[in-house]
Amino acid sequence: MLMVRRLMFWQAPRLIARVGAARLFGWCIAIGAVSWSVPALYADSFAIMFAAQLTHAFLFAAFHSCLLQLIPHFFPCVLPAS
């Protein structure tokens, strides 16, 4: 699973440039909801659990990369420290 995350972190800038951080963020939320629901229904299937773990690793890296791109948009540097 670690290799999936590393691969996604490596390819994230290209994917974000192609799709956009906000759109990819939305896709992560939608796919994440499904990927957390499916294992609850099919917990006895090794293949489904393995696919869910791969999906989780991909979504974690994509979600994290999107947030790093979106933070400056929501929290500009011009805000004074308190």
N, C-alpha and C. Protein backbone atom coordinates (compact mmCIF):
# COMPACT_ATOMS: atom_id res chain seq x y z
N MET A 1 0.82 -1.18 0.00
CA MET A 1 0.00 0.00 0.00
C MET A 1 0.87 1.25 0.00
N LEU A 2 2.01 1.15 0.63
CA LEU A 2 2.91 2.29 0.67
C LEU A 2 3.37 2.68 -0.72
N MET A 3 3.58 1.70 -1.58
CA MET A 3 4.02 2.00 -2.95
C MET A 3 2.91 2.71 -3.74
N VAL A 4 1.66 2.38 -3.47
CA VAL A 4 0.54 3.06 -4.14
C VAL A 4 0.52 4.52 -3.73
N ARG A 5 0.71 4.78 -2.44
CA ARG A 5 0.74 6.18 -1.97
C ARG A 5 1.92 6.93 -2.57
N ARG A 6 3.08 6.30 -2.60
CA ARG A 6 4.25 6.96 -3.18
C ARG A 6 4.05 7.26 -4.65
N LEU A 7 3.46 6.33 -5.37
CA LEU A 7 3.17 6.53 -6.79
C LEU A 7 2.20 7.69 -6.97
N MET A 8 1.18 7.75 -6.13
CA MET A 8 0.20 8.83 -6.25
C MET A 8 0.83 10.17 -5.89
N PHE A 9 1.63 10.23 -4.83
CA PHE A 9 2.30 11.48 -4.49
C PHE A 9 3.23 11.94 -5.61
N TRP A 10 3.84 11.00 -6.29
CA TRP A 10 4.73 11.31 -7.40
C TRP A 10 3.95 11.87 -8.59
N GLN A 11 2.77 11.30 -8.86
CA GLN A 11 1.98 11.70 -10.01
C GLN A 11 0.95 12.79 -9.69
N ALA A 12 0.79 13.14 -8.43
CA ALA A 12 -0.24 14.10 -8.03
C ALA A 12 -0.14 15.44 -8.73
N PRO A 13 1.04 16.03 -8.87
CA PRO A 13 1.09 17.33 -9.55
C PRO A 13 0.55 17.28 -10.99
N ARG A 14 0.84 16.21 -11.69
CA ARG A 14 0.31 16.07 -13.06
C ARG A 14 -1.20 15.91 -13.05
N LEU A 15 -1.70 15.09 -12.14
CA LEU A 15 -3.13 14.85 -12.07
C LEU A 15 -3.88 16.12 -11.66
N ILE A 16 -3.33 16.85 -10.70
CA ILE A 16 -3.96 18.09 -10.26
C ILE A 16 -3.92 19.14 -11.37
N ALA A 17 -2.83 19.20 -12.11
CA ALA A 17 -2.75 20.14 -13.23
C ALA A 17 -3.77 19.80 -14.31
N ARG A 18 -4.02 18.54 -14.52
CA ARG A 18 -4.96 18.12 -15.56
C ARG A 18 -6.41 18.29 -15.11
N VAL A 19 -6.72 17.89 -13.88
CA VAL A 19 -8.11 17.87 -13.43
C VAL A 19 -8.47 19.10 -12.59
N GLY A 20 -7.54 19.58 -11.82
CA GLY A 20 -7.81 20.68 -10.89
C GLY A 20 -7.94 20.14 -9.48
N ALA A 21 -7.42 20.89 -8.53
CA ALA A 21 -7.40 20.42 -7.14
C ALA A 21 -8.81 20.31 -6.56
N ALA A 22 -9.66 21.29 -6.84
CA ALA A 22 -11.01 21.26 -6.27
C ALA A 22 -11.83 20.10 -6.84
N ARG A 23 -11.72 19.86 -8.12
CA ARG A 23 -12.47 18.76 -8.73
C ARG A 23 -11.95 17.41 -8.22
N LEU A 24 -10.63 17.26 -8.15
CA LEU A 24 -10.07 16.01 -7.65
C LEU A 24 -10.44 15.79 -6.19
N PHE A 25 -10.48 16.87 -5.42
CA PHE A 25 -10.90 16.81 -4.02
C PHE A 25 -12.33 16.27 -3.92
N GLY A 26 -13.21 16.77 -4.78
CA GLY A 26 -14.60 16.29 -4.80
C GLY A 26 -14.69 14.82 -5.18
N TRP A 27 -13.90 14.42 -6.17
CA TRP A 27 -13.88 13.01 -6.56
C TRP A 27 -13.37 12.14 -5.42
N CYS A 28 -12.38 12.62 -4.69
CA CYS A 28 -11.86 11.85 -3.54
C CYS A 28 -12.95 11.62 -2.50
N ILE A 29 -13.74 12.65 -2.24
CA ILE A 29 -14.81 12.51 -1.25
C ILE A 29 -15.86 11.51 -1.74
N ALA A 30 -16.25 11.62 -3.01
CA ALA A 30 -17.28 10.73 -3.54
C ALA A 30 -16.79 9.28 -3.59
N ILE A 31 -15.60 9.07 -4.12
CA ILE A 31 -15.07 7.71 -4.20
C ILE A 31 -14.79 7.16 -2.81
N GLY A 32 -14.35 8.04 -1.91
CA GLY A 32 -14.09 7.62 -0.53
C GLY A 32 -15.35 7.12 0.16
N ALA A 33 -16.47 7.77 -0.07
CA ALA A 33 -17.73 7.32 0.53
C ALA A 33 -18.09 5.92 0.06
N VAL A 34 -17.89 5.67 -1.22
CA VAL A 34 -18.17 4.33 -1.76
C VAL A 34 -17.16 3.32 -1.24
N SER A 35 -15.89 3.72 -1.23
CA SER A 35 -14.86 2.76 -0.82
C SER A 35 -14.94 2.41 0.66
N TRP A 36 -15.58 3.22 1.47
CA TRP A 36 -15.78 2.88 2.87
C TRP A 36 -17.06 2.08 3.07
N SER A 37 -18.01 2.22 2.15
CA SER A 37 -19.28 1.49 2.27
C SER A 37 -19.17 0.06 1.78
N VAL A 38 -18.44 -0.16 0.69
CA VAL A 38 -18.35 -1.49 0.09
C VAL A 38 -17.73 -2.52 1.05
N PRO A 39 -16.62 -2.23 1.73
CA PRO A 39 -16.08 -3.24 2.66
C PRO A 39 -17.03 -3.58 3.81
N ALA A 40 -17.87 -2.65 4.19
CA ALA A 40 -18.84 -2.95 5.25
C ALA A 40 -19.84 -4.00 4.79
N LEU A 41 -20.13 -4.01 3.50
CA LEU A 41 -21.08 -4.98 2.98
C LEU A 41 -20.45 -6.31 2.62
N TYR A 42 -19.17 -6.28 2.27
CA TYR A 42 -18.48 -7.48 1.80
C TYR A 42 -17.20 -7.74 2.59
N ALA A 43 -17.28 -7.70 3.88
CA ALA A 43 -16.10 -7.84 4.73
C ALA A 43 -15.48 -9.23 4.67
N ASP A 44 -16.21 -10.21 4.19
CA ASP A 44 -15.69 -11.58 4.15
C ASP A 44 -14.92 -11.87 2.86
N SER A 45 -14.86 -10.91 1.95
CA SER A 45 -14.17 -11.12 0.68
C SER A 45 -12.78 -10.50 0.72
N PHE A 46 -11.75 -11.34 0.59
CA PHE A 46 -10.38 -10.83 0.61
C PHE A 46 -10.11 -9.91 -0.56
N ALA A 47 -10.61 -10.25 -1.74
CA ALA A 47 -10.35 -9.43 -2.94
C ALA A 47 -10.96 -8.05 -2.80
N ILE A 48 -12.16 -7.96 -2.27
CA ILE A 48 -12.80 -6.66 -2.09
C ILE A 48 -12.08 -5.86 -1.02
N MET A 49 -11.66 -6.49 0.04
CA MET A 49 -10.93 -5.78 1.09
C MET A 49 -9.58 -5.28 0.57
N PHE A 50 -8.92 -6.09 -0.25
CA PHE A 50 -7.65 -5.68 -0.83
C PHE A 50 -7.85 -4.48 -1.76
N ALA A 51 -8.88 -4.54 -2.59
CA ALA A 51 -9.19 -3.41 -3.49
C ALA A 51 -9.55 -2.17 -2.69
N ALA A 52 -10.26 -2.34 -1.60
CA ALA A 52 -10.61 -1.20 -0.75
C ALA A 52 -9.37 -0.57 -0.13
N GLN A 53 -8.41 -1.39 0.26
CA GLN A 53 -7.17 -0.85 0.82
C GLN A 53 -6.36 -0.11 -0.23
N LEU A 54 -6.32 -0.64 -1.44
CA LEU A 54 -5.63 0.07 -2.53
C LEU A 54 -6.31 1.40 -2.82
N THR A 55 -7.62 1.38 -2.84
CA THR A 55 -8.37 2.61 -3.08
C THR A 55 -8.12 3.61 -1.96
N HIS A 56 -8.09 3.14 -0.73
CA HIS A 56 -7.82 4.02 0.40
C HIS A 56 -6.44 4.65 0.29
N ALA A 57 -5.44 3.87 -0.09
CA ALA A 57 -4.09 4.40 -0.23
C ALA A 57 -4.03 5.47 -1.32
N PHE A 58 -4.67 5.22 -2.44
CA PHE A 58 -4.72 6.19 -3.54
C PHE A 58 -5.44 7.46 -3.09
N LEU A 59 -6.61 7.30 -2.45
CA LEU A 59 -7.40 8.45 -2.03
C LEU A 59 -6.70 9.27 -0.96
N PHE A 60 -5.99 8.61 -0.05
CA PHE A 60 -5.25 9.33 0.98
C PHE A 60 -4.23 10.27 0.35
N ALA A 61 -3.47 9.76 -0.60
CA ALA A 61 -2.43 10.58 -1.24
C ALA A 61 -3.05 11.68 -2.09
N ALA A 62 -4.10 11.36 -2.83
CA ALA A 62 -4.74 12.37 -3.68
C ALA A 62 -5.41 13.45 -2.83
N PHE A 63 -6.10 13.06 -1.78
CA PHE A 63 -6.77 13.99 -0.87
C PHE A 63 -5.75 14.92 -0.21
N HIS A 64 -4.67 14.35 0.27
CA HIS A 64 -3.62 15.14 0.93
C HIS A 64 -2.99 16.12 -0.05
N SER A 65 -2.71 15.68 -1.26
CA SER A 65 -2.11 16.55 -2.27
C SER A 65 -3.05 17.69 -2.64
N CYS A 66 -4.34 17.39 -2.75
CA CYS A 66 -5.31 18.43 -3.06
C CYS A 66 -5.39 19.47 -1.94
N LEU A 67 -5.40 18.99 -0.71
CA LEU A 67 -5.47 19.93 0.40
C LEU A 67 -4.25 20.84 0.44
N LEU A 68 -3.09 20.30 0.16
CA LEU A 68 -1.89 21.14 0.14
C LEU A 68 -1.97 22.21 -0.94
N GLN A 69 -2.64 21.91 -2.04
CA GLN A 69 -2.83 22.90 -3.10
C GLN A 69 -3.91 23.92 -2.74
N LEU A 70 -4.92 23.52 -1.98
CA LEU A 70 -6.05 24.39 -1.68
C LEU A 70 -5.86 25.25 -0.43
N ILE A 71 -4.98 24.88 0.46
CA ILE A 71 -4.79 25.65 1.70
C ILE A 71 -4.45 27.11 1.43
N PRO A 72 -3.52 27.43 0.53
CA PRO A 72 -3.25 28.86 0.28
C PRO A 72 -4.46 29.63 -0.26
N HIS A 73 -5.36 28.95 -0.94
CA HIS A 73 -6.56 29.61 -1.45
C HIS A 73 -7.48 30.04 -0.31
N PHE A 74 -7.63 29.17 0.69
CA PHE A 74 -8.53 29.47 1.80
C PHE A 74 -7.87 30.24 2.93
N PHE A 75 -6.56 30.15 3.03
CA PHE A 75 -5.81 30.83 4.09
C PHE A 75 -4.66 31.61 3.46
N PRO A 76 -4.93 32.79 2.94
CA PRO A 76 -3.86 33.56 2.27
C PRO A 76 -2.78 33.98 3.27
N CYS A 77 -1.62 34.21 2.74
CA CYS A 77 -0.46 34.56 3.57
C CYS A 77 -0.57 35.96 4.16
N VAL A 78 -1.49 36.76 3.69
CA VAL A 78 -1.61 38.12 4.17
C VAL A 78 -2.28 38.23 5.53
N LEU A 79 -2.79 37.12 6.05
CA LEU A 79 -3.42 37.15 7.37
C LEU A 79 -2.35 37.32 8.44
N PRO A 80 -2.56 38.23 9.36
CA PRO A 80 -1.56 38.44 10.41
C PRO A 80 -1.61 37.32 11.45
N ALA A 81 -0.48 37.04 12.02
CA ALA A 81 -0.43 36.04 13.09
C ALA A 81 -0.96 36.68 14.35
N SER A 82 -1.61 35.89 15.18
CA SER A 82 -2.15 36.45 16.43
C SER A 82 -1.45 35.87 17.62
